[in-house]
Amino acid sequence: MWSAIWSWRHRAAGAHILSLAIMMWGLVVGASELLPRVGYANTPGDVPPTWLCD
């Protein structure tokens, strides 16, 4: 987050785009782990949701 703010203030377009892409990637990874655990995303069959790092 701080890199996105810094790059915006210092008009570094490439760094700002990269910062936003990394933040979006983090949100997607977090959602892919969190949503099945709280029951929002469906899991296939009768397999209970587990963490990917078992």
PDB file of N, CA and C in Angstrom:
ATOM      1  N   MET A   1       0.822  -1.181   0.000  1.00  0.00           N
ATOM      2  CA  MET A   1       0.000   0.000   0.000  1.00  0.00           C
ATOM      3  C   MET A   1       0.870   1.251   0.000  1.00  0.00           C
ATOM      4  N   TRP A   2       1.922   1.227   0.823  1.00  0.00           N
ATOM      5  CA  TRP A   2       2.770   2.421   0.899  1.00  0.00           C
ATOM      6  C   TRP A   2       3.472   2.674  -0.417  1.00  0.00           C
ATOM      7  N   SER A   3       3.804   1.623  -1.170  1.00  0.00           N
ATOM      8  CA  SER A   3       4.476   1.844  -2.454  1.00  0.00           C
ATOM      9  C   SER A   3       3.524   2.463  -3.471  1.00  0.00           C
ATOM     10  N   ALA A   4       2.252   2.113  -3.413  1.00  0.00           N
ATOM     11  CA  ALA A   4       1.274   2.727  -4.311  1.00  0.00           C
ATOM     12  C   ALA A   4       1.104   4.207  -3.991  1.00  0.00           C
ATOM     13  N   ILE A   5       1.077   4.539  -2.710  1.00  0.00           N
ATOM     14  CA  ILE A   5       0.948   5.951  -2.317  1.00  0.00           C
ATOM     15  C   ILE A   5       2.192   6.732  -2.706  1.00  0.00           C
ATOM     16  N   TRP A   6       3.371   6.152  -2.455  1.00  0.00           N
ATOM     17  CA  TRP A   6       4.616   6.846  -2.793  1.00  0.00           C
ATOM     18  C   TRP A   6       4.720   7.072  -4.294  1.00  0.00           C
ATOM     19  N   SER A   7       4.411   6.031  -5.069  1.00  0.00           N
ATOM     20  CA  SER A   7       4.530   6.155  -6.522  1.00  0.00           C
ATOM     21  C   SER A   7       3.515   7.142  -7.093  1.00  0.00           C
ATOM     22  N   TRP A   8       2.346   7.247  -6.472  1.00  0.00           N
ATOM     23  CA  TRP A   8       1.349   8.223  -6.922  1.00  0.00           C
ATOM     24  C   TRP A   8       1.842   9.644  -6.653  1.00  0.00           C
ATOM     25  N   ARG A   9       2.388   9.861  -5.475  1.00  0.00           N
ATOM     26  CA  ARG A   9       2.861  11.204  -5.108  1.00  0.00           C
ATOM     27  C   ARG A   9       4.063  11.643  -5.930  1.00  0.00           C
ATOM     28  N   HIS A  10       4.898  10.688  -6.323  1.00  0.00           N
ATOM     29  CA  HIS A  10       6.110  11.026  -7.066  1.00  0.00           C
ATOM     30  C   HIS A  10       5.954  10.809  -8.569  1.00  0.00           C
ATOM     31  N   ARG A  11       4.742  10.624  -9.030  1.00  0.00           N
ATOM     32  CA  ARG A  11       4.403  10.501 -10.446  1.00  0.00           C
ATOM     33  C   ARG A  11       5.207   9.426 -11.168  1.00  0.00           C
ATOM     34  N   ALA A  12       5.357   8.282 -10.508  1.00  0.00           N
ATOM     35  CA  ALA A  12       6.052   7.138 -11.098  1.00  0.00           C
ATOM     36  C   ALA A  12       4.992   6.156 -11.609  1.00  0.00           C
ATOM     37  N   ALA A  13       4.604   6.319 -12.856  1.00  0.00           N
ATOM     38  CA  ALA A  13       3.481   5.559 -13.411  1.00  0.00           C
ATOM     39  C   ALA A  13       3.740   4.055 -13.416  1.00  0.00           C
ATOM     40  N   GLY A  14       4.907   3.647 -13.868  1.00  0.00           N
ATOM     41  CA  GLY A  14       5.205   2.212 -13.927  1.00  0.00           C
ATOM     42  C   GLY A  14       5.187   1.567 -12.558  1.00  0.00           C
ATOM     43  N   ALA A  15       5.797   2.233 -11.593  1.00  0.00           N
ATOM     44  CA  ALA A  15       5.818   1.702 -10.224  1.00  0.00           C
ATOM     45  C   ALA A  15       4.409   1.668  -9.636  1.00  0.00           C
ATOM     46  N   HIS A  16       3.589   2.643  -9.970  1.00  0.00           N
ATOM     47  CA  HIS A  16       2.230   2.689  -9.449  1.00  0.00           C
ATOM     48  C   HIS A  16       1.397   1.532 -10.008  1.00  0.00           C
ATOM     49  N   ILE A  17       1.523   1.286 -11.286  1.00  0.00           N
ATOM     50  CA  ILE A  17       0.788   0.177 -11.898  1.00  0.00           C
ATOM     51  C   ILE A  17       1.243  -1.153 -11.310  1.00  0.00           C
ATOM     52  N   LEU A  18       2.547  -1.311 -11.137  1.00  0.00           N
ATOM     53  CA  LEU A  18       3.070  -2.539 -10.530  1.00  0.00           C
ATOM     54  C   LEU A  18       2.560  -2.703  -9.094  1.00  0.00           C
ATOM     55  N   SER A  19       2.530  -1.619  -8.334  1.00  0.00           N
ATOM     56  CA  SER A  19       2.026  -1.673  -6.958  1.00  0.00           C
ATOM     57  C   SER A  19       0.563  -2.101  -6.918  1.00  0.00           C
ATOM     58  N   LEU A  20      -0.237  -1.540  -7.799  1.00  0.00           N
ATOM     59  CA  LEU A  20      -1.651  -1.907  -7.834  1.00  0.00           C
ATOM     60  C   LEU A  20      -1.832  -3.361  -8.256  1.00  0.00           C
ATOM     61  N   ALA A  21      -1.023  -3.823  -9.203  1.00  0.00           N
ATOM     62  CA  ALA A  21      -1.121  -5.215  -9.643  1.00  0.00           C
ATOM     63  C   ALA A  21      -0.753  -6.170  -8.513  1.00  0.00           C
ATOM     64  N   ILE A  22       0.275  -5.842  -7.747  1.00  0.00           N
ATOM     65  CA  ILE A  22       0.675  -6.687  -6.623  1.00  0.00           C
ATOM     66  C   ILE A  22      -0.397  -6.693  -5.538  1.00  0.00           C
ATOM     67  N   MET A  23      -1.014  -5.556  -5.289  1.00  0.00           N
ATOM     68  CA  MET A  23      -2.090  -5.513  -4.292  1.00  0.00           C
ATOM     69  C   MET A  23      -3.290  -6.343  -4.748  1.00  0.00           C
ATOM     70  N   MET A  24      -3.641  -6.268  -6.027  1.00  0.00           N
ATOM     71  CA  MET A  24      -4.758  -7.061  -6.542  1.00  0.00           C
ATOM     72  C   MET A  24      -4.451  -8.552  -6.457  1.00  0.00           C
ATOM     73  N   TRP A  25      -3.213  -8.930  -6.784  1.00  0.00           N
ATOM     74  CA  TRP A  25      -2.808 -10.328  -6.703  1.00  0.00           C
ATOM     75  C   TRP A  25      -2.929 -10.825  -5.258  1.00  0.00           C
ATOM     76  N   GLY A  26      -2.519 -10.003  -4.303  1.00  0.00           N
ATOM     77  CA  GLY A  26      -2.647 -10.369  -2.900  1.00  0.00           C
ATOM     78  C   GLY A  26      -4.089 -10.553  -2.479  1.00  0.00           C
ATOM     79  N   LEU A  27      -4.967  -9.694  -2.968  1.00  0.00           N
ATOM     80  CA  LEU A  27      -6.387  -9.841  -2.648  1.00  0.00           C
ATOM     81  C   LEU A  27      -6.971 -11.124  -3.242  1.00  0.00           C
ATOM     82  N   VAL A  28      -6.572 -11.453  -4.461  1.00  0.00           N
ATOM     83  CA  VAL A  28      -7.068 -12.675  -5.103  1.00  0.00           C
ATOM     84  C   VAL A  28      -6.576 -13.910  -4.350  1.00  0.00           C
ATOM     85  N   VAL A  29      -5.310 -13.926  -3.977  1.00  0.00           N
ATOM     86  CA  VAL A  29      -4.767 -15.068  -3.239  1.00  0.00           C
ATOM     87  C   VAL A  29      -5.455 -15.187  -1.880  1.00  0.00           C
ATOM     88  N   GLY A  30      -5.630 -14.063  -1.200  1.00  0.00           N
ATOM     89  CA  GLY A  30      -6.311 -14.089   0.088  1.00  0.00           C
ATOM     90  C   GLY A  30      -7.748 -14.567  -0.029  1.00  0.00           C
ATOM     91  N   ALA A  31      -8.453 -14.096  -1.058  1.00  0.00           N
ATOM     92  CA  ALA A  31      -9.842 -14.516  -1.259  1.00  0.00           C
ATOM     93  C   ALA A  31      -9.933 -15.990  -1.604  1.00  0.00           C
ATOM     94  N   SER A  32      -8.979 -16.496  -2.380  1.00  0.00           N
ATOM     95  CA  SER A  32      -9.029 -17.917  -2.754  1.00  0.00           C
ATOM     96  C   SER A  32      -8.816 -18.822  -1.543  1.00  0.00           C
ATOM     97  N   GLU A  33      -8.149 -18.334  -0.534  1.00  0.00           N
ATOM     98  CA  GLU A  33      -7.968 -19.110   0.695  1.00  0.00           C
ATOM     99  C   GLU A  33      -9.112 -18.890   1.684  1.00  0.00           C
ATOM    100  N   LEU A  34      -9.572 -17.671   1.781  1.00  0.00           N
ATOM    101  CA  LEU A  34     -10.541 -17.314   2.814  1.00  0.00           C
ATOM    102  C   LEU A  34     -11.975 -17.690   2.454  1.00  0.00           C
ATOM    103  N   LEU A  35     -12.412 -17.428   1.240  1.00  0.00           N
ATOM    104  CA  LEU A  35     -13.813 -17.641   0.884  1.00  0.00           C
ATOM    105  C   LEU A  35     -14.278 -19.092   1.018  1.00  0.00           C
ATOM    106  N   PRO A  36     -13.509 -20.080   0.587  1.00  0.00           N
ATOM    107  CA  PRO A  36     -13.973 -21.458   0.825  1.00  0.00           C
ATOM    108  C   PRO A  36     -14.032 -21.808   2.313  1.00  0.00           C
ATOM    109  N   ARG A  37     -13.173 -21.225   3.116  1.00  0.00           N
ATOM    110  CA  ARG A  37     -13.145 -21.534   4.552  1.00  0.00           C
ATOM    111  C   ARG A  37     -14.369 -20.991   5.280  1.00  0.00           C
ATOM    112  N   VAL A  38     -14.910 -19.862   4.827  1.00  0.00           N
ATOM    113  CA  VAL A  38     -16.071 -19.291   5.491  1.00  0.00           C
ATOM    114  C   VAL A  38     -17.376 -19.751   4.861  1.00  0.00           C
ATOM    115  N   GLY A  39     -17.292 -20.601   3.809  1.00  0.00           N
ATOM    116  CA  GLY A  39     -18.488 -21.164   3.206  1.00  0.00           C
ATOM    117  C   GLY A  39     -19.088 -20.334   2.103  1.00  0.00           C
ATOM    118  N   TYR A  40     -18.452 -19.283   1.665  1.00  0.00           N
ATOM    119  CA  TYR A  40     -19.018 -18.452   0.604  1.00  0.00           C
ATOM    120  C   TYR A  40     -18.831 -19.098  -0.761  1.00  0.00           C
ATOM    121  N   ALA A  41     -17.637 -19.614  -1.041  1.00  0.00           N
ATOM    122  CA  ALA A  41     -17.366 -20.275  -2.321  1.00  0.00           C
ATOM    123  C   ALA A  41     -17.653 -21.763  -2.173  1.00  0.00           C
ATOM    124  N   ASN A  42     -18.242 -22.341  -3.187  1.00  0.00           N
ATOM    125  CA  ASN A  42     -18.561 -23.770  -3.148  1.00  0.00           C
ATOM    126  C   ASN A  42     -17.308 -24.597  -3.391  1.00  0.00           C
ATOM    127  N   THR A  43     -17.213 -25.705  -2.680  1.00  0.00           N
ATOM    128  CA  THR A  43     -16.120 -26.650  -2.913  1.00  0.00           C
ATOM    129  C   THR A  43     -16.699 -27.867  -3.623  1.00  0.00           C
ATOM    130  N   PRO A  44     -15.920 -28.544  -4.448  1.00  0.00           N
ATOM    131  CA  PRO A  44     -16.453 -29.685  -5.200  1.00  0.00           C
ATOM    132  C   PRO A  44     -16.745 -30.889  -4.305  1.00  0.00           C
ATOM    133  N   GLY A  45     -17.919 -31.465  -4.477  1.00  0.00           N
ATOM    134  CA  GLY A  45     -18.280 -32.701  -3.776  1.00  0.00           C
ATOM    135  C   GLY A  45     -18.378 -32.567  -2.271  1.00  0.00           C
ATOM    136  N   ASP A  46     -18.045 -33.661  -1.610  1.00  0.00           N
ATOM    137  CA  ASP A  46     -18.119 -33.713  -0.152  1.00  0.00           C
ATOM    138  C   ASP A  46     -16.769 -33.440   0.494  1.00  0.00           C
ATOM    139  N   VAL A  47     -15.841 -32.896  -0.246  1.00  0.00           N
ATOM    140  CA  VAL A  47     -14.506 -32.624   0.272  1.00  0.00           C
ATOM    141  C   VAL A  47     -14.558 -31.347   1.109  1.00  0.00           C
ATOM    142  N   PRO A  48     -14.198 -31.424   2.381  1.00  0.00           N
ATOM    143  CA  PRO A  48     -14.194 -30.191   3.194  1.00  0.00           C
ATOM    144  C   PRO A  48     -13.057 -29.264   2.760  1.00  0.00           C
ATOM    145  N   PRO A  49     -13.263 -27.978   2.848  1.00  0.00           N
ATOM    146  CA  PRO A  49     -12.196 -27.037   2.448  1.00  0.00           C
ATOM    147  C   PRO A  49     -11.014 -27.133   3.387  1.00  0.00           C
ATOM    148  N   THR A  50      -9.819 -27.127   2.833  1.00  0.00           N
ATOM    149  CA  THR A  50      -8.600 -27.178   3.625  1.00  0.00           C
ATOM    150  C   THR A  50      -7.659 -26.103   3.135  1.00  0.00           C
ATOM    151  N   TRP A  51      -6.691 -25.782   3.962  1.00  0.00           N
ATOM    152  CA  TRP A  51      -5.665 -24.825   3.548  1.00  0.00           C
ATOM    153  C   TRP A  51      -4.742 -25.493   2.556  1.00  0.00           C
ATOM    154  N   LEU A  52      -4.172 -24.729   1.635  1.00  0.00           N
ATOM    155  CA  LEU A  52      -3.301 -25.290   0.607  1.00  0.00           C
ATOM    156  C   LEU A  52      -1.942 -25.705   1.129  1.00  0.00           C
ATOM    157  N   CYS A  53      -1.577 -25.291   2.329  1.00  0.00           N
ATOM    158  CA  CYS A  53      -0.238 -25.581   2.848  1.00  0.00           C
ATOM    159  C   CYS A  53      -0.221 -26.748   3.829  1.00  0.00           C
ATOM    160  N   ASP A  54      -1.177 -27.669   3.734  1.00  0.00           N
ATOM    161  CA  ASP A  54      -1.250 -28.791   4.686  1.00  0.00           C
ATOM    162  C   ASP A  54      -0.013 -29.615   4.613  1.00  0.00           C
TER     163      ASP A  54
END
